[in-house]
Amino acid sequence: MHCTIKRIEAMDDKFLIHVEIAGKSYGLRINRDEEQVVREAVRQIRIKMDQYRKKYSEVDVKDLLAMVTFQLSVENLKLEDKNDTSPFTEKIRELTGELEGYLMDKSL
């Protein structure tokens, strides 16, 4: 049970790669600039699988993958919330409007 990645063939700006996750192979075609991200994703899956395998040694591989998927999804959602700038953008618009109104009053 491990995750590996290797480049099989290069085509223009895309790669066909072979990714092994929990003993099963998957062929993926990715952009060249995504290679490091894909390698890191495979590494994170491997690390999480190992952590869960140590903690729950008698759990089926499918269950381990489900737990890893859930944990990584939660982490992703937390990051999305952190990167949501809409409250700040709205406040900046509000303050800009107030400032413009103040400057208009001063110039009259």
Protein backbone atom coordinates (compact mmCIF):
# COMPACT_ATOMS: atom_id res chain seq x y z
CA MET A 1 0.00 0.00 0.00
CA HIS A 2 1.84 3.04 -1.23
CA CYS A 3 1.57 5.99 -3.55
CA THR A 4 4.07 6.60 -6.30
CA ILE A 5 4.20 8.75 -9.37
CA LYS A 6 6.28 8.41 -12.49
CA ARG A 7 6.28 10.13 -15.83
CA ILE A 8 5.39 7.79 -18.70
CA GLU A 9 5.38 9.98 -21.78
CA ALA A 10 5.54 13.67 -22.58
CA MET A 11 3.25 15.25 -25.16
CA ASP A 12 3.61 18.95 -25.88
CA ASP A 13 2.76 20.71 -22.63
CA LYS A 14 1.02 17.66 -21.12
CA PHE A 15 2.34 14.57 -19.38
CA LEU A 16 0.79 11.17 -19.14
CA ILE A 17 1.75 10.00 -15.67
CA HIS A 18 1.24 6.82 -13.76
CA VAL A 19 0.05 7.35 -10.20
CA GLU A 20 -0.18 4.47 -7.75
CA ILE A 21 -2.40 4.95 -4.73
CA ALA A 22 -2.99 2.14 -2.25
CA GLY A 23 -1.71 -0.47 -4.68
CA LYS A 24 -3.87 0.60 -7.64
CA SER A 25 -2.58 2.36 -10.76
CA TYR A 26 -4.17 5.40 -12.36
CA GLY A 27 -3.09 7.08 -15.59
CA LEU A 28 -3.49 10.83 -15.61
CA ARG A 29 -2.75 13.44 -18.24
CA ILE A 30 -1.59 16.65 -16.56
CA ASN A 31 -0.05 19.96 -17.58
CA ARG A 32 3.69 20.30 -17.07
CA ASP A 33 3.19 23.10 -14.55
CA GLU A 34 0.99 20.81 -12.40
CA GLU A 35 3.65 18.13 -11.92
CA GLN A 36 4.91 19.39 -8.55
CA VAL A 37 1.37 19.79 -7.23
CA VAL A 38 0.51 16.23 -8.29
CA ARG A 39 3.69 14.90 -6.66
CA GLU A 40 2.80 16.74 -3.44
CA ALA A 41 -0.77 15.40 -3.54
CA VAL A 42 0.51 11.85 -3.87
CA ARG A 43 2.94 12.46 -1.01
CA GLN A 44 0.16 13.81 1.21
CA ILE A 45 -2.06 10.82 0.45
CA ARG A 46 0.78 8.44 1.27
CA ILE A 47 1.49 10.21 4.57
CA LYS A 48 -2.19 10.27 5.59
CA MET A 49 -2.63 6.61 4.61
CA ASP A 50 0.38 5.66 6.74
CA GLN A 51 -0.95 7.66 9.70
CA TYR A 52 -4.36 6.01 9.56
CA ARG A 53 -2.86 2.56 8.94
CA LYS A 54 -0.76 2.88 12.11
CA LYS A 55 -3.74 4.07 14.13
CA TYR A 56 -6.32 1.65 12.68
CA SER A 57 -4.31 -1.41 11.61
CA GLU A 58 -7.34 -3.63 11.00
CA VAL A 59 -9.29 -1.20 8.81
CA ASP A 60 -9.87 -2.01 5.13
CA VAL A 61 -7.97 -0.01 2.48
CA LYS A 62 -11.23 1.46 1.16
CA ASP A 63 -12.05 2.75 4.63
CA LEU A 64 -8.55 4.22 4.97
CA LEU A 65 -8.98 5.99 1.63
CA ALA A 66 -12.38 7.29 2.74
CA MET A 67 -10.86 8.72 5.94
CA VAL A 68 -7.99 10.31 4.01
CA THR A 69 -10.44 11.80 1.51
CA PHE A 70 -12.57 13.21 4.30
CA GLN A 71 -9.59 14.71 6.15
CA LEU A 72 -8.11 16.32 3.03
CA SER A 73 -11.54 17.69 2.05
CA VAL A 74 -11.99 19.30 5.48
CA GLU A 75 -8.52 20.84 5.25
CA ASN A 76 -9.31 22.14 1.75
CA LEU A 77 -12.58 23.72 2.89
CA LYS A 78 -10.82 25.42 5.80
CA LEU A 79 -8.28 26.89 3.39
CA GLU A 80 -11.04 28.10 1.08
CA ASP A 81 -12.70 29.89 4.01
CA LYS A 82 -9.37 31.46 4.97
CA ASN A 83 -8.86 32.75 1.44
CA ASP A 84 -12.35 34.24 1.13
CA THR A 85 -11.70 37.96 0.74
CA SER A 86 -15.29 39.00 0.04
CA PRO A 87 -15.91 40.46 3.55
CA PHE A 88 -12.78 42.60 3.19
CA THR A 89 -13.66 43.64 -0.35
CA GLU A 90 -17.12 44.73 0.77
CA LYS A 91 -15.70 46.74 3.69
CA ILE A 92 -13.17 48.44 1.39
CA ARG A 93 -15.99 49.43 -0.98
CA GLU A 94 -17.98 50.82 1.94
CA LEU A 95 -15.02 52.83 3.27
CA THR A 96 -14.15 54.06 -0.23
CA GLY A 97 -17.70 55.32 -0.64
CA GLU A 98 -17.55 57.13 2.70
CA LEU A 99 -14.18 58.65 1.86
CA GLU A 100 -15.37 59.81 -1.57
CA GLY A 101 -18.46 61.34 0.03
CA TYR A 102 -16.33 63.14 2.61
CA LEU A 103 -13.95 64.49 -0.05
CA MET A 104 -16.88 65.66 -2.20
CA ASP A 105 -18.34 67.56 0.78
CA LYS A 106 -14.95 69.16 1.53
CA SER A 107 -14.47 70.34 -2.06
CA LEU A 108 -17.86 72.10 -2.16
